Amino acid sequence: MTTAPVSPLQAVVTANHDAISDDPAKAAVVFRAEARAHSAVASTVALGRFEIEVDEPPALGGENTAPNPVEYYLASLLSCQVVTYRVWADKLGIAVDGITARAEGDLDVRGFFGFDDAVRAGFGEVRVVVTLTGPESRERYLELQEAVDAHCPVLDLTRNATPVRTVVETP
């Protein structure tokens, strides 16, 4: 009897499952970022061994030298969606040949600038369109979307309140 080959994603999921089953404390992962301000409103953010630049368009005080924070949020959401689609397609045995995604969000700057405290500072709405190609039926891809919506970490950050505690340090 031959066994079906294990995909690289299945191997990752299995290895994580086995490690966590042996020691549930291993499920807790801490991600870190550090930012240094420069220019008017720009910053350099260190993410592990990577650095990214962040800026704002001139209308928000920047020089438009890099994406702004909310654009990075959209990028985070889309990239997390792609990863989650890949993992769950593999987990559910749903064939996907290609994934593309796009997002747009509506932001009213009155909230950011404090011009109207009734207007939230963040996006009022974000719209995501994911295009899946492959041999499966629409119903199977909708099943996949349901799994992704339930398990995408960045989508979860948006849909559910996440406690954030800020401490200001001074010399």
Protein backbone atom coordinates (compact mmCIF):
# COMPACT_ATOMS: atom_id res chain seq x y z
CA MET A 1 0.00 0.00 0.00
CA THR A 2 1.41 3.38 -0.98
CA THR A 3 0.77 6.56 0.89
CA ALA A 4 0.02 9.81 -0.84
CA PRO A 5 2.93 12.26 -0.75
CA VAL A 6 2.71 14.90 1.95
CA SER A 7 2.69 18.47 0.66
CA PRO A 8 5.11 20.98 2.23
CA LEU A 9 2.15 22.76 3.85
CA GLN A 10 0.80 19.50 5.25
CA ALA A 11 4.24 18.82 6.71
CA VAL A 12 4.26 22.25 8.40
CA VAL A 13 0.75 21.79 9.78
CA THR A 14 1.57 18.28 11.03
CA ALA A 15 4.85 19.37 12.63
CA ASN A 16 3.10 22.23 14.43
CA HIS A 17 0.24 19.99 15.52
CA ASP A 18 2.65 17.40 16.91
CA ALA A 19 4.75 20.00 18.74
CA ILE A 20 1.71 21.71 20.23
CA SER A 21 0.06 18.41 21.18
CA ASP A 22 3.17 17.49 23.18
CA ASP A 23 3.42 20.92 24.79
CA PRO A 24 0.50 23.38 24.41
CA ALA A 25 2.76 26.21 25.63
CA LYS A 26 4.53 25.99 22.25
CA ALA A 27 1.37 27.36 20.60
CA ALA A 28 2.06 30.84 22.00
CA VAL A 29 4.21 32.85 19.59
CA VAL A 30 5.36 36.43 20.09
CA PHE A 31 5.93 38.68 17.07
CA ARG A 32 7.85 41.93 17.50
CA ALA A 33 8.33 45.21 15.69
CA GLU A 34 10.32 48.34 16.51
CA ALA A 35 9.92 51.76 14.88
CA ARG A 36 12.23 54.78 14.68
CA ALA A 37 10.75 58.11 13.63
CA HIS A 38 12.52 60.26 11.03
CA SER A 39 11.56 63.08 8.70
CA ALA A 40 8.22 64.76 9.33
CA VAL A 41 6.01 61.68 9.77
CA ALA A 42 8.10 58.83 8.32
CA SER A 43 9.53 55.89 10.22
CA THR A 44 11.70 52.85 9.75
CA VAL A 45 10.21 49.70 11.22
CA ALA A 46 12.35 46.70 12.10
CA LEU A 47 10.58 43.36 11.77
CA GLY A 48 13.05 40.69 12.79
CA ARG A 49 15.84 40.81 10.21
CA PHE A 50 13.78 42.98 7.86
CA GLU A 51 13.25 46.73 7.76
CA ILE A 52 10.43 48.57 6.05
CA GLU A 53 9.91 52.25 5.47
CA VAL A 54 6.64 53.96 6.28
CA ASP A 55 5.58 57.43 5.20
CA GLU A 56 2.45 59.41 4.44
CA PRO A 57 1.31 61.29 1.35
CA PRO A 58 1.84 65.07 1.37
CA ALA A 59 -1.81 65.67 2.32
CA LEU A 60 -1.04 63.90 5.62
CA GLY A 61 2.32 65.60 6.22
CA GLY A 62 4.63 63.13 4.50
CA GLU A 63 6.77 62.98 1.39
CA ASN A 64 5.13 59.85 -0.08
CA THR A 65 8.44 57.94 -0.05
CA ALA A 66 6.86 54.69 1.15
CA PRO A 67 3.47 53.14 1.82
CA ASN A 68 1.53 54.57 4.75
CA PRO A 69 0.43 52.55 7.80
CA VAL A 70 -3.08 51.83 6.55
CA GLU A 71 -1.69 50.65 3.21
CA TYR A 72 0.54 48.27 5.17
CA TYR A 73 -2.56 47.08 7.00
CA LEU A 74 -4.20 46.28 3.65
CA ALA A 75 -1.02 44.50 2.55
CA SER A 76 -0.97 42.55 5.82
CA LEU A 77 -4.59 41.56 5.39
CA LEU A 78 -4.14 40.43 1.79
CA SER A 79 -0.92 38.52 2.41
CA CYS A 80 -2.46 36.82 5.45
CA GLN A 81 -5.49 35.90 3.36
CA VAL A 82 -3.25 34.34 0.69
CA VAL A 83 -1.34 32.28 3.28
CA THR A 84 -4.55 31.21 4.98
CA TYR A 85 -6.16 30.25 1.65
CA ARG A 86 -3.12 28.11 0.81
CA VAL A 87 -3.04 26.37 4.19
CA TRP A 88 -6.77 25.69 4.34
CA ALA A 89 -7.03 24.63 0.70
CA ASP A 90 -4.36 22.07 1.44
CA LYS A 91 -5.99 21.04 4.71
CA LEU A 92 -9.45 20.64 3.10
CA GLY A 93 -8.12 18.99 -0.07
CA ILE A 94 -9.40 21.81 -2.27
CA ALA A 95 -7.37 22.35 -5.44
CA VAL A 96 -6.42 25.97 -6.09
CA ASP A 97 -4.32 26.89 -9.10
CA GLY A 98 -4.11 30.62 -8.45
CA ILE A 99 -4.99 33.22 -5.85
CA THR A 100 -5.14 36.95 -6.35
CA ALA A 101 -6.57 39.45 -3.91
CA ARG A 102 -7.22 43.15 -3.77
CA ALA A 103 -8.50 45.41 -1.01
CA GLU A 104 -9.58 48.97 -0.50
CA GLY A 105 -10.59 50.80 2.61
CA ASP A 106 -12.48 54.01 3.30
CA LEU A 107 -10.79 56.33 5.78
CA ASP A 108 -12.22 59.67 6.88
CA VAL A 109 -9.25 61.82 8.00
CA ARG A 110 -11.49 63.90 10.29
CA GLY A 111 -11.06 61.10 12.86
CA PHE A 112 -7.26 61.03 12.52
CA PHE A 113 -6.89 64.80 12.84
CA GLY A 114 -9.46 65.03 15.63
CA PHE A 115 -11.70 67.35 13.63
CA ASP A 116 -14.77 65.28 14.55
CA ASP A 117 -14.62 62.87 17.47
CA ALA A 118 -17.74 61.10 16.20
CA VAL A 119 -15.69 59.86 13.20
CA ARG A 120 -13.48 56.86 13.92
CA ALA A 121 -9.77 57.21 13.21
CA GLY A 122 -9.56 53.94 11.29
CA PHE A 123 -11.22 52.49 8.26
CA GLY A 124 -15.00 52.77 8.14
CA GLU A 125 -15.10 49.78 5.81
CA VAL A 126 -12.63 47.50 4.07
CA ARG A 127 -13.60 45.60 0.94
CA VAL A 128 -11.63 42.50 -0.08
CA VAL A 129 -11.98 40.62 -3.35
CA VAL A 130 -10.26 37.24 -3.64
CA THR A 131 -10.11 35.52 -7.01
CA LEU A 132 -9.51 31.77 -6.95
CA THR A 133 -8.78 29.74 -10.05
CA GLY A 134 -8.78 25.99 -10.30
CA PRO A 135 -10.87 22.94 -11.03
CA GLU A 136 -13.19 23.04 -8.02
CA SER A 137 -16.84 24.07 -7.93
CA ARG A 138 -17.93 27.47 -6.63
CA GLU A 139 -19.42 25.69 -3.61
CA ARG A 140 -16.02 24.21 -2.68
CA TYR A 141 -14.36 27.63 -2.98
CA LEU A 142 -17.08 29.15 -0.79
CA GLU A 143 -16.37 26.39 1.76
CA LEU A 144 -12.72 27.42 1.58
CA GLN A 145 -13.63 31.09 2.07
CA GLU A 146 -15.61 30.19 5.18
CA ALA A 147 -12.59 28.38 6.65
CA VAL A 148 -10.28 31.28 5.77
CA ASP A 149 -12.63 33.86 7.28
CA ALA A 150 -12.70 31.82 10.49
CA HIS A 151 -8.91 31.34 10.74
CA CYS A 152 -7.09 34.33 9.15
CA PRO A 153 -5.17 36.07 11.99
CA VAL A 154 -5.11 39.55 10.43
CA LEU A 155 -8.80 39.37 9.57
CA ASP A 156 -9.41 38.33 13.17
CA LEU A 157 -7.54 41.42 14.38
CA THR A 158 -10.01 43.56 12.46
CA ARG A 159 -13.17 41.70 13.34
CA ASN A 160 -12.48 41.33 17.05
CA ALA A 161 -11.29 43.82 19.62
CA THR A 162 -7.67 43.15 20.55
CA PRO A 163 -6.45 44.62 23.82
CA VAL A 164 -3.56 47.01 23.27
CA ARG A 165 -1.69 48.42 26.24
CA THR A 166 0.64 51.35 25.58
CA VAL A 167 3.32 52.51 27.99
CA VAL A 168 5.16 55.79 27.43
CA GLU A 169 8.74 55.76 28.64
CA THR A 170 10.70 58.94 29.28
CA PRO A 171 14.32 59.36 30.32
